[in-house]
Protein backbone atom coordinates (compact mmCIF):
# COMPACT_ATOMS: atom_id res chain seq x y z
CA MET A 1 21.83 3.16 14.78
CA SER A 2 21.73 0.06 12.39
CA PRO A 3 21.18 0.19 8.85
CA ALA A 4 17.66 -1.01 9.03
CA ALA A 5 16.88 1.62 11.83
CA ASN A 6 18.52 4.34 10.16
CA ALA A 7 16.74 3.72 6.96
CA ALA A 8 13.41 4.06 8.58
CA THR A 9 14.29 7.81 9.48
CA LEU A 10 14.69 8.89 6.13
CA THR A 11 11.26 9.58 5.38
CA ALA A 12 9.04 12.32 7.33
CA ARG A 13 5.38 12.20 7.51
CA ARG A 14 3.88 13.43 4.15
CA SER A 15 1.65 16.02 5.96
CA THR A 16 4.39 17.70 7.88
CA ARG A 17 6.19 18.84 4.36
CA PHE A 18 2.83 19.83 3.12
CA VAL A 19 1.70 21.94 5.66
CA THR A 20 5.02 23.69 6.70
CA TRP A 21 5.84 24.60 3.02
CA VAL A 22 2.29 25.78 2.26
CA ARG A 23 2.35 27.50 5.52
CA ALA A 24 5.78 29.21 4.68
CA TRP A 25 4.35 30.46 1.27
CA ARG A 26 1.31 31.83 2.56
CA ALA A 27 3.36 33.96 4.85
CA GLY A 28 5.47 35.06 1.61
CA LEU A 29 8.72 33.25 2.74
CA VAL A 30 9.12 30.84 -0.14
CA PRO A 31 7.75 31.04 -3.74
CA PHE A 32 5.27 29.11 -5.07
CA ASP A 33 7.04 27.57 -7.79
CA GLU A 34 9.10 25.79 -4.95
CA LEU A 35 6.11 24.12 -3.51
CA ASP A 36 5.22 20.98 -5.19
CA SER A 37 8.88 19.89 -5.56
CA GLU A 38 9.57 20.35 -1.81
CA ILE A 39 6.42 18.66 -0.91
CA ALA A 40 6.70 15.42 -2.97
CA GLY A 41 10.26 15.04 -3.41
CA ASP A 42 10.93 12.29 -5.64
CA GLU A 43 7.59 10.93 -5.48
CA GLU A 44 4.50 11.60 -8.03
CA HIS A 45 1.62 13.43 -6.06
CA LEU A 46 -1.66 14.05 -7.18
CA VAL A 47 -4.79 15.59 -6.04
CA ALA A 48 -8.38 14.53 -5.98
CA ASP A 49 -11.41 16.63 -5.72
CA ALA A 50 -9.77 19.84 -5.53
CA PRO A 51 -12.08 22.92 -6.22
CA GLY A 52 -12.60 23.59 -9.80
CA THR A 53 -11.31 20.24 -10.96
CA TRP A 54 -12.95 17.19 -12.47
CA THR A 55 -10.30 14.75 -12.25
CA ASP A 56 -7.10 13.84 -10.47
CA VAL A 57 -4.74 16.58 -10.90
CA PRO A 58 -0.92 17.42 -10.28
CA LEU A 59 0.11 18.66 -6.80
CA ALA A 60 1.11 22.22 -8.49
CA GLN A 61 -2.55 22.79 -10.23
CA ALA A 62 -4.24 22.16 -6.78
CA LEU A 63 -2.05 24.12 -4.32
CA PRO A 64 -3.75 27.61 -5.09
CA CYS A 65 -7.04 26.48 -3.15
CA PHE A 66 -4.74 27.37 -0.30
CA ALA A 67 -3.97 30.92 -1.95
CA LYS A 68 -6.77 32.96 0.22
CA LEU A 69 -5.75 31.41 3.65
CA HIS A 70 -3.95 32.85 6.27
CA PRO A 71 -0.92 30.62 7.44
CA ASP A 72 -2.56 30.19 10.95
CA GLU A 73 -5.43 28.73 9.46
CA ILE A 74 -3.38 25.98 7.74
CA ARG A 75 -2.94 23.12 10.33
CA LEU A 76 -1.16 19.96 10.85
CA VAL A 77 -3.11 16.98 12.61
CA LEU A 78 -1.76 13.69 13.40
CA PRO A 79 -4.74 11.70 14.84
CA ALA A 80 -4.53 8.20 16.35
CA PRO A 81 -7.13 5.75 17.76
CA GLY A 82 -8.89 7.08 21.00
CA ASP A 83 -7.07 10.82 20.08
CA PRO A 84 -8.92 12.44 17.20
CA ARG A 85 -7.57 16.35 18.36
CA GLY A 86 -7.52 18.74 15.71
CA LEU A 87 -10.21 17.17 13.87
CA SER A 88 -13.89 18.43 12.84
CA GLY A 89 -15.99 15.96 14.30
CA PRO A 90 -17.42 12.82 12.89
CA GLY A 91 -17.88 12.85 9.08
CA PRO A 92 -16.00 11.72 5.99
CA LEU A 93 -13.04 13.88 6.75
CA THR A 94 -12.49 12.79 10.26
CA GLY A 95 -12.78 8.92 8.85
CA ALA A 96 -10.13 9.62 6.50
CA ALA A 97 -7.82 11.55 8.55
CA MET A 98 -7.92 8.62 11.01
CA LEU A 99 -7.41 6.14 8.67
CA ALA A 100 -4.56 7.83 7.10
CA GLY A 101 -3.00 9.09 10.57
CA GLU A 102 -2.42 12.73 9.10
CA ALA A 103 -4.14 15.34 7.46
CA VAL A 104 -3.86 18.98 6.69
CA MET A 105 -6.70 21.17 7.98
CA THR A 106 -8.00 24.48 7.23
CA PRO A 107 -11.44 26.18 8.15
CA THR A 108 -13.44 24.95 5.20
CA PHE A 109 -11.51 21.70 3.88
CA GLY A 110 -8.93 19.25 4.95
CA VAL A 111 -6.53 17.31 2.87
CA VAL A 112 -5.74 13.65 3.65
CA PRO A 113 -2.75 11.53 1.80
CA GLU A 114 -3.57 8.20 0.42
CA VAL A 115 -0.61 6.19 -0.76
CA ARG A 116 -1.25 3.66 -3.44
CA THR A 117 1.23 1.18 -4.79
CA HIS A 118 1.40 -0.21 -8.32
CA THR A 119 3.33 -2.63 -9.94
CA SER A 120 4.78 -1.92 -13.72
CA GLY A 121 4.64 -4.37 -16.59
CA SER A 122 8.21 -5.58 -16.00
CA GLY A 123 7.45 -5.93 -12.05
CA VAL A 124 8.89 -2.84 -10.62
CA THR A 125 6.90 -1.75 -7.80
CA PHE A 126 6.19 2.19 -6.91
CA GLU A 127 4.10 4.35 -5.25
CA THR A 128 2.25 7.29 -5.86
CA VAL A 129 0.38 9.69 -3.42
CA LEU A 130 -3.10 10.86 -3.99
CA TRP A 131 -4.16 13.82 -1.68
CA ARG A 132 -8.02 13.85 -1.22
CA VAL A 133 -9.77 17.30 -0.46
CA ILE A 134 -12.63 16.79 1.74
CA PRO A 135 -14.86 19.45 3.13
CA ALA A 136 -14.60 20.32 6.81
CA GLU A 137 -17.89 20.54 8.63
CA SER A 138 -17.91 23.43 11.75
CA TYR A 139 -14.32 23.09 11.96
CA ARG A 140 -12.83 25.02 14.95
CA PRO A 141 -9.05 24.29 15.85
CA GLY A 142 -8.73 23.05 19.74
CA PHE A 143 -6.24 23.59 22.12
CA GLN A 144 -2.50 23.12 21.19
CA ILE A 145 0.59 23.36 23.42
CA GLY A 146 3.34 25.51 22.21
CA ALA A 147 6.94 23.84 20.84
CA ALA A 148 8.65 24.64 24.25
CA GLU A 149 6.23 22.42 26.37
CA ALA A 150 6.15 19.78 23.59
CA GLU A 151 9.93 19.68 23.48
CA GLN A 152 9.88 19.11 27.52
CA GLU A 153 7.30 16.31 27.06
CA LEU A 154 8.94 14.52 24.43
CA THR A 155 12.31 14.70 26.35
CA HIS A 156 10.71 13.38 29.42
CA ALA A 157 8.96 10.74 27.34
CA LEU A 158 11.92 9.45 25.66
CA ALA A 159 13.58 9.26 28.81
CA GLU A 160 10.94 6.96 30.22
CA ALA A 161 10.70 4.77 27.31
CA THR A 162 14.46 4.31 26.94
CA ALA A 163 14.45 3.14 30.78
CA ALA A 164 11.48 1.05 30.36
CA LEU A 165 13.01 -0.73 27.20
CA THR A 166 16.05 -1.03 29.20
CA ARG A 167 14.51 -3.12 31.77
CA LEU A 168 12.73 -5.11 29.18
CA ASP A 169 15.99 -6.22 27.96
CA VAL A 170 14.84 -4.88 24.50
CA ALA A 171 18.51 -4.68 23.09
CA HIS A 172 18.51 -8.47 23.15
CA TRP A 173 15.38 -8.84 21.01
CA ARG A 174 15.31 -5.72 19.30
CA PRO A 175 18.66 -4.36 18.88
CA GLU A 176 17.67 -1.79 16.13
CA LEU A 177 14.98 -0.33 18.21
CA ALA A 178 17.31 0.25 21.53
CA GLY A 179 20.35 1.66 19.47
CA ALA A 180 17.85 3.81 17.71
CA LEU A 181 16.23 5.26 20.85
CA GLN A 182 19.71 5.58 22.48
CA ALA A 183 20.82 7.46 19.56
CA LEU A 184 18.17 9.94 19.69
CA ARG A 185 18.86 11.07 23.19
CA ARG A 186 21.20 13.37 21.11
CA PRO A 187 19.10 15.54 18.80
CA GLU A 188 20.86 15.61 15.51
CA SER A 189 18.99 15.22 12.19
CA THR A 190 18.79 16.18 8.73
CA ALA A 191 15.03 16.97 8.90
CA THR A 192 14.35 20.43 8.24
CA LEU A 193 11.66 23.24 8.18
CA PRO A 194 11.22 25.95 5.46
CA ALA A 195 12.10 29.69 6.25
CA GLY A 196 9.93 31.39 9.02
CA PHE A 197 10.38 28.68 11.83
CA ASP A 198 12.03 29.68 14.83
CA PRO A 199 15.17 27.65 16.18
CA ARG A 200 13.18 25.89 18.83
CA ALA A 201 10.70 24.83 16.32
CA ARG A 202 13.32 23.43 14.09
CA ARG A 203 14.86 21.34 16.89
CA VAL A 204 11.64 19.78 17.91
CA PHE A 205 10.72 18.88 14.38
CA ALA A 206 14.26 17.48 13.71
CA ARG A 207 14.17 15.20 16.83
CA ALA A 208 10.48 14.00 16.40
CA SER A 209 10.86 13.38 12.64
CA VAL A 210 13.58 10.92 13.38
CA LEU A 211 11.88 9.58 16.17
CA ASP A 212 8.40 8.98 14.49
CA GLN A 213 10.15 6.81 11.82
CA VAL A 214 11.79 4.74 14.63
CA LEU A 215 8.54 4.19 16.32
CA ALA A 216 6.87 3.58 12.96
CA LEU A 217 9.85 0.59 12.44
CA ALA A 218 8.89 -0.79 15.87
CA GLU A 219 5.24 -0.73 15.30
CA HIS A 220 5.71 -2.27 11.36
CA ASN A 221 8.05 -5.28 12.27
CA ALA A 222 7.01 -8.09 14.64
CA PRO A 223 9.19 -8.16 18.05
CA GLY A 224 12.09 -10.04 16.45
CA GLY A 225 13.41 -12.53 19.06
CA ALA A 226 10.47 -11.58 21.92
CA VAL A 227 10.06 -14.99 23.76
CA ASN A 228 6.36 -14.43 24.44
CA THR A 229 3.25 -12.25 23.85
CA TYR A 230 3.63 -10.96 27.25
CA GLU A 231 7.29 -9.15 26.25
CA ALA A 232 5.76 -7.78 23.15
CA GLN A 233 2.79 -6.05 25.07
CA GLN A 234 5.04 -4.46 27.35
CA ARG A 235 7.40 -3.12 24.90
CA ASP A 236 4.21 -1.54 23.18
CA ALA A 237 3.13 -0.33 26.81
CA ALA A 238 6.44 1.19 26.79
CA LEU A 239 6.38 3.26 23.52
CA ARG A 240 2.75 4.27 23.83
CA PRO A 241 3.30 7.42 25.72
CA LEU A 242 6.39 8.15 23.49
CA THR A 243 4.56 7.71 20.54
CA ALA A 244 1.54 10.21 21.62
CA ALA A 245 4.47 12.90 22.73
CA CYS A 246 6.10 12.49 19.40
CA ARG A 247 3.03 13.30 17.47
CA GLN A 248 2.04 16.07 19.92
CA ALA A 249 5.79 17.52 19.04
CA LEU A 250 5.58 17.14 15.49
CA VAL A 251 2.03 19.11 15.32
CA ALA A 252 3.60 21.92 17.70
CA ALA A 253 6.39 22.37 15.79
CA CYS A 254 4.86 22.33 12.34
CA ASN A 255 1.93 24.65 13.63
CA SER A 256 4.30 27.05 15.52
CA PRO A 257 3.94 31.02 14.75
CA LEU A 258 6.22 31.89 11.84
CA SER A 259 8.24 35.29 11.34
CA GLY A 260 9.60 36.86 8.56
């Protein structure tokens, strides 16, 4: 995998860290004191509109709003245009989650991350993450496939996409993407879940987390040496089913049942 592709795989979606660690806490598997550092890492995380607060507060001060929830009531959703699965219907929460492409859902509220970029007086650029708490109206979790089925679909989609990109000679004009996808046929990854998740969920999460970042790289950057728009459209069509399978795998892994 090229340095550019490898660098793109180092950061998981923030909502995956949020939902898995909060679920593990509510299951009594990790201490509360670890939550904010595990969710935020080396970033600054704040929360807006948390119950009982009047201004933005540090993440640790807002996490108690999950204290009365069962782990299975805390769900990851990764919506995309045309695929709002897991959301509560039209409204502010759905709009914010669709814009972010991710959210943490509960029966009464959702939490959506917003990344803010700042520039210091010395010209240094840095980011902060603001989690906004938004009431959920008439929320009912929809059907979700399990980690086993999600793993099978991800494996199939990866094989199909790799074959299609080989036919398109993507290695010629996007070597970092082709190399990354080939490397992902082996499921090694450093992405991890907290205590309580079974080995299959961990395996699916590890593979899908890396793949998610590779796909973000493909979407973010223009198609390098592609000679025309048609080739770029063909590449996007080849990756679309894989992107959907990847999101589905992350959701299945993060929402899978916990064990003590």
